[in-house]
C-alpha atoms as a PDB file:
ATOM      1  CA  MET A   1       0.000   0.000   0.000  1.00  0.00           C
ATOM      2  CA  ARG A   2       1.382   3.369  -0.964  1.00  0.00           C
ATOM      3  CA  LEU A   3       1.550   5.868   1.870  1.00  0.00           C
ATOM      4  CA  HIS A   4       1.457   9.627   1.462  1.00  0.00           C
ATOM      5  CA  ARG A   5       3.137  11.576   4.235  1.00  0.00           C
ATOM      6  CA  ARG A   6       3.520  15.207   4.996  1.00  0.00           C
ATOM      7  CA  LEU A   7       5.491  16.570   7.937  1.00  0.00           C
ATOM      8  CA  VAL A   8       4.001  19.580   9.672  1.00  0.00           C
ATOM      9  CA  LEU A   9       6.688  21.368  11.646  1.00  0.00           C
ATOM     10  CA  ALA A  10       6.040  22.805  15.077  1.00  0.00           C
ATOM     11  CA  SER A  11       7.248  26.222  16.141  1.00  0.00           C
ATOM     12  CA  PRO A  12       9.506  26.041  19.245  1.00  0.00           C
ATOM     13  CA  ALA A  13       8.152  29.437  20.286  1.00  0.00           C
ATOM     14  CA  LEU A  14       4.711  27.917  20.694  1.00  0.00           C
ATOM     15  CA  LEU A  15       5.853  24.865  22.631  1.00  0.00           C
ATOM     16  CA  HIS A  16       3.126  23.399  24.817  1.00  0.00           C
ATOM     17  CA  VAL A  17       3.579  19.960  26.381  1.00  0.00           C
ATOM     18  CA  PRO A  18       0.793  18.905  28.793  1.00  0.00           C
ATOM     19  CA  ALA A  19       1.580  16.341  31.452  1.00  0.00           C
ATOM     20  CA  ALA A  20       0.157  12.835  31.064  1.00  0.00           C
ATOM     21  CA  GLY A  21       0.940  10.814  34.157  1.00  0.00           C
ATOM     22  CA  ALA A  22       4.618  10.576  34.966  1.00  0.00           C
ATOM     23  CA  GLN A  23       5.783  11.374  31.454  1.00  0.00           C
ATOM     24  CA  ALA A  24       5.040  14.419  29.347  1.00  0.00           C
ATOM     25  CA  PHE A  25       2.986  13.955  26.195  1.00  0.00           C
ATOM     26  CA  PRO A  26       3.853  13.864  23.372  1.00  0.00           C
ATOM     27  CA  GLN A  27       7.447  12.675  23.356  1.00  0.00           C
ATOM     28  CA  ARG A  28       7.612  12.129  19.596  1.00  0.00           C
ATOM     29  CA  PRO A  29       5.713  13.083  16.419  1.00  0.00           C
ATOM     30  CA  VAL A  30       1.970  12.399  16.370  1.00  0.00           C
ATOM     31  CA  ARG A  31       0.426  10.628  13.360  1.00  0.00           C
ATOM     32  CA  ILE A  32      -3.016  11.434  12.014  1.00  0.00           C
ATOM     33  CA  ILE A  33      -4.256   8.649   9.755  1.00  0.00           C
ATOM     34  CA  VAL A  34      -6.519   9.971   6.995  1.00  0.00           C
ATOM     35  CA  PRO A  35      -8.467   6.966   5.655  1.00  0.00           C
ATOM     36  CA  PHE A  36      -8.917   8.503   2.216  1.00  0.00           C
ATOM     37  CA  ALA A  37      -6.629   9.533  -0.618  1.00  0.00           C
ATOM     38  CA  ALA A  38      -4.476  12.643  -0.659  1.00  0.00           C
ATOM     39  CA  GLY A  39      -6.346  15.681  -1.954  1.00  0.00           C
ATOM     40  CA  THR A  40      -9.779  14.615  -0.697  1.00  0.00           C
ATOM     41  CA  SER A  41     -11.808  16.823   1.651  1.00  0.00           C
ATOM     42  CA  SER A  42     -10.818  14.638   4.630  1.00  0.00           C
ATOM     43  CA  ASP A  43      -7.157  14.962   3.677  1.00  0.00           C
ATOM     44  CA  ILE A  44      -7.451  18.746   3.472  1.00  0.00           C
ATOM     45  CA  GLN A  45      -9.158  18.815   6.882  1.00  0.00           C
ATOM     46  CA  GLY A  46      -6.391  16.715   8.408  1.00  0.00           C
ATOM     47  CA  ARG A  47      -3.585  18.834   7.014  1.00  0.00           C
ATOM     48  CA  LEU A  48      -5.176  22.120   8.045  1.00  0.00           C
ATOM     49  CA  LEU A  49      -5.679  20.892  11.584  1.00  0.00           C
ATOM     50  CA  GLY A  50      -2.351  19.069  11.843  1.00  0.00           C
ATOM     51  CA  GLU A  51      -0.434  22.280  11.271  1.00  0.00           C
ATOM     52  CA  ARG A  52      -2.253  24.025  14.129  1.00  0.00           C
ATOM     53  CA  MET A  53      -1.987  21.037  16.466  1.00  0.00           C
ATOM     54  CA  ALA A  54       1.767  20.811  15.907  1.00  0.00           C
ATOM     55  CA  ALA A  55       2.219  24.386  17.022  1.00  0.00           C
ATOM     56  CA  HIS A  56       0.332  23.657  20.246  1.00  0.00           C
ATOM     57  CA  LEU A  57       1.839  20.259  21.042  1.00  0.00           C
ATOM     58  CA  GLY A  58       5.439  21.189  20.331  1.00  0.00           C
ATOM     59  CA  GLN A  59       5.886  18.078  18.188  1.00  0.00           C
ATOM     60  CA  PRO A  60       5.509  17.492  14.456  1.00  0.00           C
ATOM     61  CA  VAL A  61       2.175  16.101  13.262  1.00  0.00           C
ATOM     62  CA  ILE A  62       2.451  13.667  10.366  1.00  0.00           C
ATOM     63  CA  ILE A  63      -0.477  13.182   8.010  1.00  0.00           C
ATOM     64  CA  GLU A  64      -0.557   9.642   6.629  1.00  0.00           C
ATOM     65  CA  ASN A  65      -3.055   8.493   3.998  1.00  0.00           C
ATOM     66  CA  ARG A  66      -4.314   4.897   4.261  1.00  0.00           C
ATOM     67  CA  ALA A  67      -7.190   4.755   1.803  1.00  0.00           C
ATOM     68  CA  GLY A  68      -9.480   1.849   1.005  1.00  0.00           C
ATOM     69  CA  ALA A  69     -12.920   0.308   1.524  1.00  0.00           C
ATOM     70  CA  GLY A  70     -14.737   3.543   2.259  1.00  0.00           C
ATOM     71  CA  GLY A  71     -12.320   4.563   4.986  1.00  0.00           C
ATOM     72  CA  THR A  72     -12.402   1.291   6.910  1.00  0.00           C
ATOM     73  CA  VAL A  73      -8.814   0.298   6.055  1.00  0.00           C
ATOM     74  CA  GLY A  74      -7.391   3.317   7.827  1.00  0.00           C
ATOM     75  CA  ALA A  75      -9.887   2.994  10.657  1.00  0.00           C
ATOM     76  CA  GLU A  76      -8.888  -0.623  11.321  1.00  0.00           C
ATOM     77  CA  PHE A  77      -5.216   0.399  11.378  1.00  0.00           C
ATOM     78  CA  VAL A  78      -5.861   2.960  14.122  1.00  0.00           C
ATOM     79  CA  ALA A  79      -8.154   0.624  16.048  1.00  0.00           C
ATOM     80  CA  ARG A  80      -5.223  -1.823  16.318  1.00  0.00           C
ATOM     81  CA  ALA A  81      -2.613   0.858  17.156  1.00  0.00           C
ATOM     82  CA  ALA A  82      -1.084   1.317  20.600  1.00  0.00           C
ATOM     83  CA  PRO A  83      -3.399   3.371  22.857  1.00  0.00           C
ATOM     84  CA  ASP A  84      -0.797   6.031  23.610  1.00  0.00           C
ATOM     85  CA  GLY A  85      -2.195   8.997  21.695  1.00  0.00           C
ATOM     86  CA  GLN A  86       0.568   8.903  19.098  1.00  0.00           C
ATOM     87  CA  THR A  87      -1.651   7.484  16.318  1.00  0.00           C
ATOM     88  CA  LEU A  88      -5.022   9.112  15.622  1.00  0.00           C
ATOM     89  CA  LEU A  89      -7.785   8.717  13.040  1.00  0.00           C
ATOM     90  CA  LEU A  90      -9.314  11.585  11.110  1.00  0.00           C
ATOM     91  CA  GLY A  91     -12.769  10.064  11.416  1.00  0.00           C
ATOM     92  CA  SER A  92     -15.888  10.839   9.402  1.00  0.00           C
ATOM     93  CA  ASN A  93     -19.326   9.487   8.497  1.00  0.00           C
ATOM     94  CA  GLY A  94     -18.077   6.531   6.469  1.00  0.00           C
ATOM     95  CA  PRO A  95     -15.869   4.579   8.861  1.00  0.00           C
ATOM     96  CA  LEU A  96     -17.434   5.694  12.156  1.00  0.00           C
ATOM     97  CA  THR A  97     -21.216   5.860  11.691  1.00  0.00           C
ATOM     98  CA  ASN A  98     -22.254   4.537   8.273  1.00  0.00           C
ATOM     99  CA  ALA A  99     -20.025   1.463   7.890  1.00  0.00           C
ATOM    100  CA  PRO A 100     -21.792  -0.600  10.606  1.00  0.00           C
ATOM    101  CA  VAL A 101     -25.094  -0.490   8.709  1.00  0.00           C
ATOM    102  CA  LEU A 102     -23.456  -1.042   5.313  1.00  0.00           C
ATOM    103  CA  GLN A 103     -20.881  -3.786   5.979  1.00  0.00           C
ATOM    104  CA  ALA A 104     -21.834  -7.067   7.608  1.00  0.00           C
ATOM    105  CA  ARG A 105     -18.266  -8.058   8.461  1.00  0.00           C
ATOM    106  CA  LEU A 106     -16.622  -4.923   9.709  1.00  0.00           C
ATOM    107  CA  SER A 107     -13.165  -5.644  11.129  1.00  0.00           C
ATOM    108  CA  TYR A 108     -13.534  -3.228  14.035  1.00  0.00           C
ATOM    109  CA  ASP A 109     -16.252  -1.852  16.308  1.00  0.00           C
ATOM    110  CA  PRO A 110     -16.615   1.910  15.719  1.00  0.00           C
ATOM    111  CA  ALA A 111     -18.138   2.436  19.162  1.00  0.00           C
ATOM    112  CA  ALA A 112     -15.896   0.161  21.242  1.00  0.00           C
ATOM    113  CA  ASP A 113     -12.514   0.403  19.502  1.00  0.00           C
ATOM    114  CA  PHE A 114     -12.047   4.172  19.567  1.00  0.00           C
ATOM    115  CA  ALA A 115     -11.810   6.929  22.163  1.00  0.00           C
ATOM    116  CA  PRO A 116     -13.266  10.181  20.757  1.00  0.00           C
ATOM    117  CA  VAL A 117     -10.930  13.166  21.070  1.00  0.00           C
ATOM    118  CA  SER A 118     -12.685  16.080  19.434  1.00  0.00           C
ATOM    119  CA  MET A 119     -15.199  16.832  16.736  1.00  0.00           C
ATOM    120  CA  ILE A 120     -13.729  19.221  14.180  1.00  0.00           C
ATOM    121  CA  SER A 121     -16.260  20.412  11.636  1.00  0.00           C
ATOM    122  CA  ARG A 122     -19.368  19.789   9.582  1.00  0.00           C
ATOM    123  CA  SER A 123     -19.697  20.263   5.838  1.00  0.00           C
ATOM    124  CA  PRO A 124     -23.347  20.896   4.940  1.00  0.00           C
ATOM    125  CA  VAL A 125     -24.766  19.655   1.667  1.00  0.00           C
ATOM    126  CA  THR A 126     -27.271  21.152  -0.726  1.00  0.00           C
ATOM    127  CA  LEU A 127     -30.417  20.357  -2.652  1.00  0.00           C
ATOM    128  CA  THR A 128     -29.479  21.720  -6.061  1.00  0.00           C
ATOM    129  CA  VAL A 129     -31.144  21.992  -9.472  1.00  0.00           C
ATOM    130  CA  ARG A 130     -30.126  23.495 -12.799  1.00  0.00           C
ATOM    131  CA  ALA A 131     -30.635  27.252 -12.983  1.00  0.00           C
ATOM    132  CA  ASP A 132     -33.470  26.953 -15.516  1.00  0.00           C
ATOM    133  CA  SER A 133     -35.392  24.405 -13.420  1.00  0.00           C
ATOM    134  CA  ARG A 134     -39.065  25.144 -12.867  1.00  0.00           C
ATOM    135  CA  TRP A 135     -38.529  24.351  -9.183  1.00  0.00           C
ATOM    136  CA  ARG A 136     -37.844  27.568  -7.338  1.00  0.00           C
ATOM    137  CA  SER A 137     -38.009  26.092  -3.831  1.00  0.00           C
ATOM    138  CA  VAL A 138     -37.960  22.859  -1.856  1.00  0.00           C
ATOM    139  CA  ALA A 139     -41.759  23.093  -1.692  1.00  0.00           C
ATOM    140  CA  ASP A 140     -41.938  23.078  -5.512  1.00  0.00           C
ATOM    141  CA  MET A 141     -39.740  19.995  -5.703  1.00  0.00           C
ATOM    142  CA  LEU A 142     -41.705  18.140  -3.027  1.00  0.00           C
ATOM    143  CA  GLN A 143     -44.988  18.936  -4.763  1.00  0.00           C
ATOM    144  CA  ALA A 144     -43.646  17.410  -7.984  1.00  0.00           C
ATOM    145  CA  ALA A 145     -42.507  14.326  -6.058  1.00  0.00           C
ATOM    146  CA  LYS A 146     -45.961  13.921  -4.507  1.00  0.00           C
ATOM    147  CA  GLU A 147     -47.646  14.226  -7.894  1.00  0.00           C
ATOM    148  CA  ARG A 148     -45.303  11.669  -9.501  1.00  0.00           C
ATOM    149  CA  PRO A 149     -44.110   9.265  -6.764  1.00  0.00           C
ATOM    150  CA  GLY A 150     -40.782   7.679  -7.642  1.00  0.00           C
ATOM    151  CA  ASP A 151     -40.392   9.607 -10.917  1.00  0.00           C
ATOM    152  CA  VAL A 152     -38.238  12.473  -9.662  1.00  0.00           C
ATOM    153  CA  ALA A 153     -34.590  11.389  -9.794  1.00  0.00           C
ATOM    154  CA  ILE A 154     -32.067  12.693  -7.285  1.00  0.00           C
ATOM    155  CA  GLY A 155     -28.335  12.110  -7.425  1.00  0.00           C
ATOM    156  CA  SER A 156     -26.131  11.439  -4.414  1.00  0.00           C
ATOM    157  CA  SER A 157     -22.400  11.054  -3.767  1.00  0.00           C
ATOM    158  CA  GLY A 158     -22.836   7.301  -3.575  1.00  0.00           C
ATOM    159  CA  GLN A 159     -24.715   4.429  -1.978  1.00  0.00           C
ATOM    160  CA  GLY A 160     -24.389   4.753   1.790  1.00  0.00           C
ATOM    161  CA  SER A 161     -22.866   8.242   1.622  1.00  0.00           C
ATOM    162  CA  ALA A 162     -23.814  11.174   3.812  1.00  0.00           C
ATOM    163  CA  THR A 163     -25.855  12.599   0.945  1.00  0.00           C
ATOM    164  CA  HIS A 164     -27.682   9.287   0.441  1.00  0.00           C
ATOM    165  CA  PHE A 165     -28.683   9.073   4.107  1.00  0.00           C
ATOM    166  CA  LEU A 166     -29.914  12.669   4.051  1.00  0.00           C
ATOM    167  CA  ILE A 167     -31.983  11.938   0.940  1.00  0.00           C
ATOM    168  CA  GLU A 168     -33.622   9.070   2.832  1.00  0.00           C
ATOM    169  CA  GLN A 169     -34.310  11.418   5.743  1.00  0.00           C
ATOM    170  CA  VAL A 170     -35.862  14.004   3.418  1.00  0.00           C
ATOM    171  CA  MET A 171     -38.174  11.372   1.917  1.00  0.00           C
ATOM    172  CA  ALA A 172     -39.270  10.225   5.366  1.00  0.00           C
ATOM    173  CA  ALA A 173     -39.790  13.756   6.705  1.00  0.00           C
ATOM    174  CA  ALA A 174     -41.783  14.909   3.653  1.00  0.00           C
ATOM    175  CA  ASP A 175     -43.526  11.555   3.028  1.00  0.00           C
ATOM    176  CA  VAL A 176     -42.445  11.462  -0.618  1.00  0.00           C
ATOM    177  CA  ARG A 177     -40.645   8.936  -2.793  1.00  0.00           C
ATOM    178  CA  LEU A 178     -37.705  10.017  -4.957  1.00  0.00           C
ATOM    179  CA  SER A 179     -35.652   7.863  -7.312  1.00  0.00           C
ATOM    180  CA  HIS A 180     -32.158   7.677  -5.823  1.00  0.00           C
ATOM    181  CA  VAL A 181     -29.276   7.710  -8.335  1.00  0.00           C
ATOM    182  CA  PRO A 182     -25.900   7.044  -6.651  1.00  0.00           C
ATOM    183  CA  TYR A 183     -22.754   8.485  -8.224  1.00  0.00           C
ATOM    184  CA  ARG A 184     -19.056   8.280  -7.381  1.00  0.00           C
ATOM    185  CA  GLY A 185     -18.976  11.645  -5.647  1.00  0.00           C
ATOM    186  CA  SER A 186     -20.512  15.058  -6.299  1.00  0.00           C
ATOM    187  CA  SER A 187     -17.907  15.759  -8.966  1.00  0.00           C
ATOM    188  CA  GLN A 188     -19.863  13.296 -11.129  1.00  0.00           C
ATOM    189  CA  SER A 189     -23.432  14.013 -10.019  1.00  0.00           C
ATOM    190  CA  VAL A 190     -23.362  17.799 -10.444  1.00  0.00           C
ATOM    191  CA  PRO A 191     -22.322  17.630 -14.137  1.00  0.00           C
ATOM    192  CA  ASP A 192     -25.324  15.393 -14.775  1.00  0.00           C
ATOM    193  CA  VAL A 193     -27.596  18.066 -13.311  1.00  0.00           C
ATOM    194  CA  LEU A 194     -25.976  20.617 -15.605  1.00  0.00           C
ATOM    195  CA  SER A 195     -26.468  18.351 -18.646  1.00  0.00           C
ATOM    196  CA  GLY A 196     -30.084  17.628 -17.760  1.00  0.00           C
ATOM    197  CA  ALA A 197     -29.519  13.907 -17.187  1.00  0.00           C
ATOM    198  CA  ILE A 198     -31.044  14.258 -13.704  1.00  0.00           C
ATOM    199  CA  PRO A 199     -33.118  17.158 -12.376  1.00  0.00           C
ATOM    200  CA  LEU A 200     -31.942  17.238  -8.781  1.00  0.00           C
ATOM    201  CA  VAL A 201     -28.887  16.444  -6.673  1.00  0.00           C
ATOM    202  CA  MET A 202     -27.951  16.286  -3.015  1.00  0.00           C
ATOM    203  CA  ALA A 203     -24.352  17.463  -3.215  1.00  0.00           C
ATOM    204  CA  GLU A 204     -21.546  18.943  -1.148  1.00  0.00           C
ATOM    205  CA  ILE A 205     -21.685  22.728  -1.072  1.00  0.00           C
ATOM    206  CA  SER A 206     -17.991  22.976  -1.949  1.00  0.00           C
ATOM    207  CA  THR A 207     -18.719  21.237  -5.272  1.00  0.00           C
ATOM    208  CA  VAL A 208     -21.853  23.223  -6.050  1.00  0.00           C
ATOM    209  CA  LEU A 209     -20.595  26.705  -5.157  1.00  0.00           C
ATOM    210  CA  PRO A 210     -18.706  27.400  -8.420  1.00  0.00           C
ATOM    211  CA  THR A 211     -21.718  26.495 -10.566  1.00  0.00           C
ATOM    212  CA  TRP A 212     -24.063  28.446  -8.291  1.00  0.00           C
ATOM    213  CA  ARG A 213     -21.870  31.537  -8.344  1.00  0.00           C
ATOM    214  CA  ASP A 214     -21.675  31.584 -12.140  1.00  0.00           C
ATOM    215  CA  GLY A 215     -25.430  31.112 -12.469  1.00  0.00           C
ATOM    216  CA  ARG A 216     -25.556  27.568 -13.824  1.00  0.00           C
ATOM    217  CA  THR A 217     -27.289  25.992 -10.803  1.00  0.00           C
ATOM    218  CA  ARG A 218     -29.822  27.007  -8.189  1.00  0.00           C
ATOM    219  CA  ILE A 219     -29.424  25.853  -4.587  1.00  0.00           C
ATOM    220  CA  LEU A 220     -32.880  25.173  -3.189  1.00  0.00           C
ATOM    221  CA  ALA A 221     -31.646  24.658   0.381  1.00  0.00           C
ATOM    222  CA  VAL A 222     -28.604  23.880   2.520  1.00  0.00           C
ATOM    223  CA  SER A 223     -28.497  21.298   5.309  1.00  0.00           C
ATOM    224  CA  SER A 224     -26.863  23.538   7.920  1.00  0.00           C
ATOM    225  CA  ALA A 225     -28.655  24.608  11.102  1.00  0.00           C
ATOM    226  CA  SER A 226     -28.593  28.252   9.997  1.00  0.00           C
ATOM    227  CA  ARG A 227     -27.859  30.099   6.781  1.00  0.00           C
ATOM    228  CA  MET A 228     -24.261  29.985   5.636  1.00  0.00           C
ATOM    229  CA  PRO A 229     -22.173  33.156   5.349  1.00  0.00           C
ATOM    230  CA  ILE A 230     -20.870  32.078   1.931  1.00  0.00           C
ATOM    231  CA  ALA A 231     -24.454  31.828   0.592  1.00  0.00           C
ATOM    232  CA  PRO A 232     -26.641  33.925   2.928  1.00  0.00           C
ATOM    233  CA  GLU A 233     -29.554  34.152   0.481  1.00  0.00           C
ATOM    234  CA  VAL A 234     -30.016  30.354   0.380  1.00  0.00           C
ATOM    235  CA  PRO A 235     -32.543  28.991   2.921  1.00  0.00           C
ATOM    236  CA  THR A 236     -31.942  25.969   5.103  1.00  0.00           C
ATOM    237  CA  LEU A 237     -33.906  22.740   4.978  1.00  0.00           C
ATOM    238  CA  ILE A 238     -35.385  23.778   8.322  1.00  0.00           C
ATOM    239  CA  GLU A 239     -36.626  27.066   6.859  1.00  0.00           C
ATOM    240  CA  SER A 240     -38.016  25.059   3.951  1.00  0.00           C
ATOM    241  CA  GLY A 241     -40.258  23.037   6.258  1.00  0.00           C
ATOM    242  CA  LEU A 242     -38.015  20.017   6.837  1.00  0.00           C
ATOM    243  CA  ASN A 243     -36.624  19.773  10.365  1.00  0.00           C
ATOM    244  CA  LEU A 244     -33.356  18.291   9.152  1.00  0.00           C
ATOM    245  CA  THR A 245     -29.652  19.022   9.261  1.00  0.00           C
ATOM    246  CA  GLY A 246     -26.849  16.844   7.999  1.00  0.00           C
ATOM    247  CA  GLY A 247     -23.902  16.384   5.711  1.00  0.00           C
ATOM    248  CA  SER A 248     -20.392  15.129   6.160  1.00  0.00           C
ATOM    249  CA  TRP A 249     -18.363  15.745   9.299  1.00  0.00           C
ATOM    250  CA  ALA A 250     -14.830  15.282  10.586  1.00  0.00           C
ATOM    251  CA  GLY A 251     -13.436  14.450  14.018  1.00  0.00           C
ATOM    252  CA  LEU A 252     -10.373  12.967  15.689  1.00  0.00           C
ATOM    253  CA  VAL A 253     -10.458   9.660  17.550  1.00  0.00           C
ATOM    254  CA  ALA A 254      -7.728   7.632  19.267  1.00  0.00           C
ATOM    255  CA  PRO A 255      -7.509   3.889  19.947  1.00  0.00           C
ATOM    256  CA  ALA A 256      -9.680   2.719  22.848  1.00  0.00           C
ATOM    257  CA  GLY A 257      -7.780   2.653  26.112  1.00  0.00           C
ATOM    258  CA  THR A 258      -5.851   5.864  25.487  1.00  0.00           C
ATOM    259  CA  PRO A 259      -5.324   7.506  28.911  1.00  0.00           C
ATOM    260  CA  ALA A 260      -7.729  10.321  29.770  1.00  0.00           C
ATOM    261  CA  PRO A 261      -4.925  12.903  30.331  1.00  0.00           C
ATOM    262  CA  VAL A 262      -3.621  12.198  26.836  1.00  0.00           C
ATOM    263  CA  LEU A 263      -7.103  12.603  25.333  1.00  0.00           C
ATOM    264  CA  THR A 264      -7.421  15.901  27.181  1.00  0.00           C
ATOM    265  CA  ALA A 265      -4.050  17.112  25.875  1.00  0.00           C
ATOM    266  CA  LEU A 266      -5.017  16.202  22.321  1.00  0.00           C
ATOM    267  CA  SER A 267      -8.429  17.834  22.669  1.00  0.00           C
ATOM    268  CA  GLU A 268      -6.791  21.019  23.919  1.00  0.00           C
ATOM    269  CA  ALA A 269      -4.519  21.021  20.874  1.00  0.00           C
ATOM    270  CA  VAL A 270      -7.498  20.576  18.557  1.00  0.00           C
ATOM    271  CA  ARG A 271      -9.449  23.348  20.248  1.00  0.00           C
ATOM    272  CA  ALA A 272      -6.478  25.693  20.019  1.00  0.00           C
ATOM    273  CA  GLY A 273      -6.313  24.983  16.296  1.00  0.00           C
ATOM    274  CA  LEU A 274     -10.042  25.459  15.764  1.00  0.00           C
ATOM    275  CA  ALA A 275      -9.914  28.828  17.520  1.00  0.00           C
ATOM    276  CA  HIS A 276      -7.175  30.208  15.236  1.00  0.00           C
ATOM    277  CA  PRO A 277      -8.609  32.982  12.998  1.00  0.00           C
ATOM    278  CA  GLY A 278      -6.685  31.775   9.950  1.00  0.00           C
ATOM    279  CA  TYR A 279      -7.987  28.247  10.384  1.00  0.00           C
ATOM    280  CA  ARG A 280     -11.572  29.443  10.804  1.00  0.00           C
ATOM    281  CA  ALA A 281     -11.328  31.640   7.715  1.00  0.00           C
ATOM    282  CA  ARG A 282     -10.044  28.762   5.607  1.00  0.00           C
ATOM    283  CA  GLN A 283     -12.841  26.479   6.818  1.00  0.00           C
ATOM    284  CA  ALA A 284     -15.415  29.120   5.894  1.00  0.00           C
ATOM    285  CA  GLU A 285     -13.947  29.294   2.381  1.00  0.00           C
ATOM    286  CA  LEU A 286     -14.383  25.515   2.104  1.00  0.00           C
ATOM    287  CA  GLY A 287     -18.025  25.729   3.181  1.00  0.00           C
ATOM    288  CA  ALA A 288     -17.364  23.964   6.492  1.00  0.00           C
ATOM    289  CA  GLU A 289     -18.675  24.878   9.937  1.00  0.00           C
ATOM    290  CA  ILE A 290     -16.574  24.562  13.088  1.00  0.00           C
ATOM    291  CA  ALA A 291     -18.030  22.096  15.605  1.00  0.00           C
ATOM    292  CA  ALA A 292     -19.767  23.508  18.673  1.00  0.00           C
ATOM    293  CA  GLU A 293     -17.543  24.112  21.686  1.00  0.00           C
ATOM    294  CA  ASN A 294     -18.984  21.234  23.738  1.00  0.00           C
ATOM    295  CA  GLU A 295     -18.519  18.849  20.778  1.00  0.00           C
ATOM    296  CA  GLN A 296     -14.840  19.752  20.637  1.00  0.00           C
ATOM    297  CA  GLN A 297     -14.317  18.052  24.001  1.00  0.00           C
ATOM    298  CA  PRO A 298     -14.145  14.239  24.373  1.00  0.00           C
ATOM    299  CA  GLU A 299     -17.371  13.945  26.411  1.00  0.00           C
ATOM    300  CA  GLY A 300     -19.371  16.082  23.996  1.00  0.00           C
ATOM    301  CA  PHE A 301     -18.069  14.205  20.972  1.00  0.00           C
ATOM    302  CA  VAL A 302     -18.956  10.869  22.605  1.00  0.00           C
ATOM    303  CA  ALA A 303     -22.545  12.039  23.151  1.00  0.00           C
ATOM    304  CA  TRP A 304     -22.854  13.407  19.618  1.00  0.00           C
ATOM    305  CA  LEU A 305     -21.550  10.176  18.073  1.00  0.00           C
ATOM    306  CA  ALA A 306     -24.052   8.128  20.056  1.00  0.00           C
ATOM    307  CA  ARG A 307     -26.943  10.237  18.746  1.00  0.00           C
ATOM    308  CA  GLU A 308     -25.639  10.149  15.178  1.00  0.00           C
ATOM    309  CA  ARG A 309     -25.254   6.350  15.206  1.00  0.00           C
ATOM    310  CA  THR A 310     -28.827   5.973  16.439  1.00  0.00           C
ATOM    311  CA  LEU A 311     -30.057   8.258  13.648  1.00  0.00           C
ATOM    312  CA  ILE A 312     -28.131   6.358  10.962  1.00  0.00           C
ATOM    313  CA  ARG A 313     -29.375   2.974  12.201  1.00  0.00           C
ATOM    314  CA  GLU A 314     -32.956   4.203  12.192  1.00  0.00           C
ATOM    315  CA  THR A 315     -32.574   5.747   8.725  1.00  0.00           C
ATOM    316  CA  ALA A 316     -31.142   2.488   7.360  1.00  0.00           C
ATOM    317  CA  ARG A 317     -33.914   0.427   8.971  1.00  0.00           C
ATOM    318  CA  ARG A 318     -36.657   2.659   7.605  1.00  0.00           C
ATOM    319  CA  ALA A 319     -35.107   2.717   4.114  1.00  0.00           C
ATOM    320  CA  GLY A 320     -34.501  -1.030   4.057  1.00  0.00           C
ATOM    321  CA  ILE A 321     -30.734  -0.635   3.696  1.00  0.00           C
ATOM    322  CA  GLN A 322     -29.123  -3.985   4.478  1.00  0.00           C
ATOM    323  CA  PRO A 323     -25.424  -4.616   5.237  1.00  0.00           C
ATOM    324  CA  THR A 324     -23.518  -6.558   2.610  1.00  0.00           C
ATOM    325  CA  ASP A 325     -20.527  -8.909   2.915  1.00  0.00           C
END
């Protein structure tokens, strides 16, 4: 397996080494395993955060890509790593919440094999149509779906993706039936909206923004809790009558059994990075939202993950999604 590494250097002037038992932590570089390929949104998140964490920890932070099987290859690697805080997983929907309902023979237990460190960010998604679509709002689209059950096609980023699960939640909340068309990412689904192959897509805002800004698409709604600064005129799903939020998210987890003082030290480093104005500005440019302050702490992230796993299980059950070998 080919590994991609990048060394993020720490500034000695910003040295900060919290105590963890009898020995200070960390004593050597910290690895963040990104379970997807270099250049993906998860990889970008890891590298942005790693730079800020290194400055706080006083040790280099190495980003290592271990892609495969929807993120589960990298997740298994971290689950089997020593519980010393030196090897972390840049976790997300796929390996930590969605995989258990999609894969019958998962090689690790997402709930039992990891110790949550800190939630990092959310990346809302959009309901998007071509600019010349007759649908001007979510209400228009839902009315068409009610008039022609199962005829309105909607593209997603893939079977079992964050966008797919949110589509299922929209159908349940609005009591409509759409025809789900899974793609290999929004980079493939959005062009099909532009060509007219499909009328509607649930897609990452970062992918849609360029086409929205140049007038080729119309965003009917975003899945954030409130309107986004980068697109303040676009309503949320909540404002559109659907009490839903969602999208992809990112967070750091360590192997289960990592000492509490080490988790605290790592969480402090993450929170220091998330508070940096430059980091926050870059996240806003990417269409990502910083996690709430309580979610940035281990206890808050644990509680959030528990709720999210319950939601995903219920969504899969209601949609008839069955795990495969």
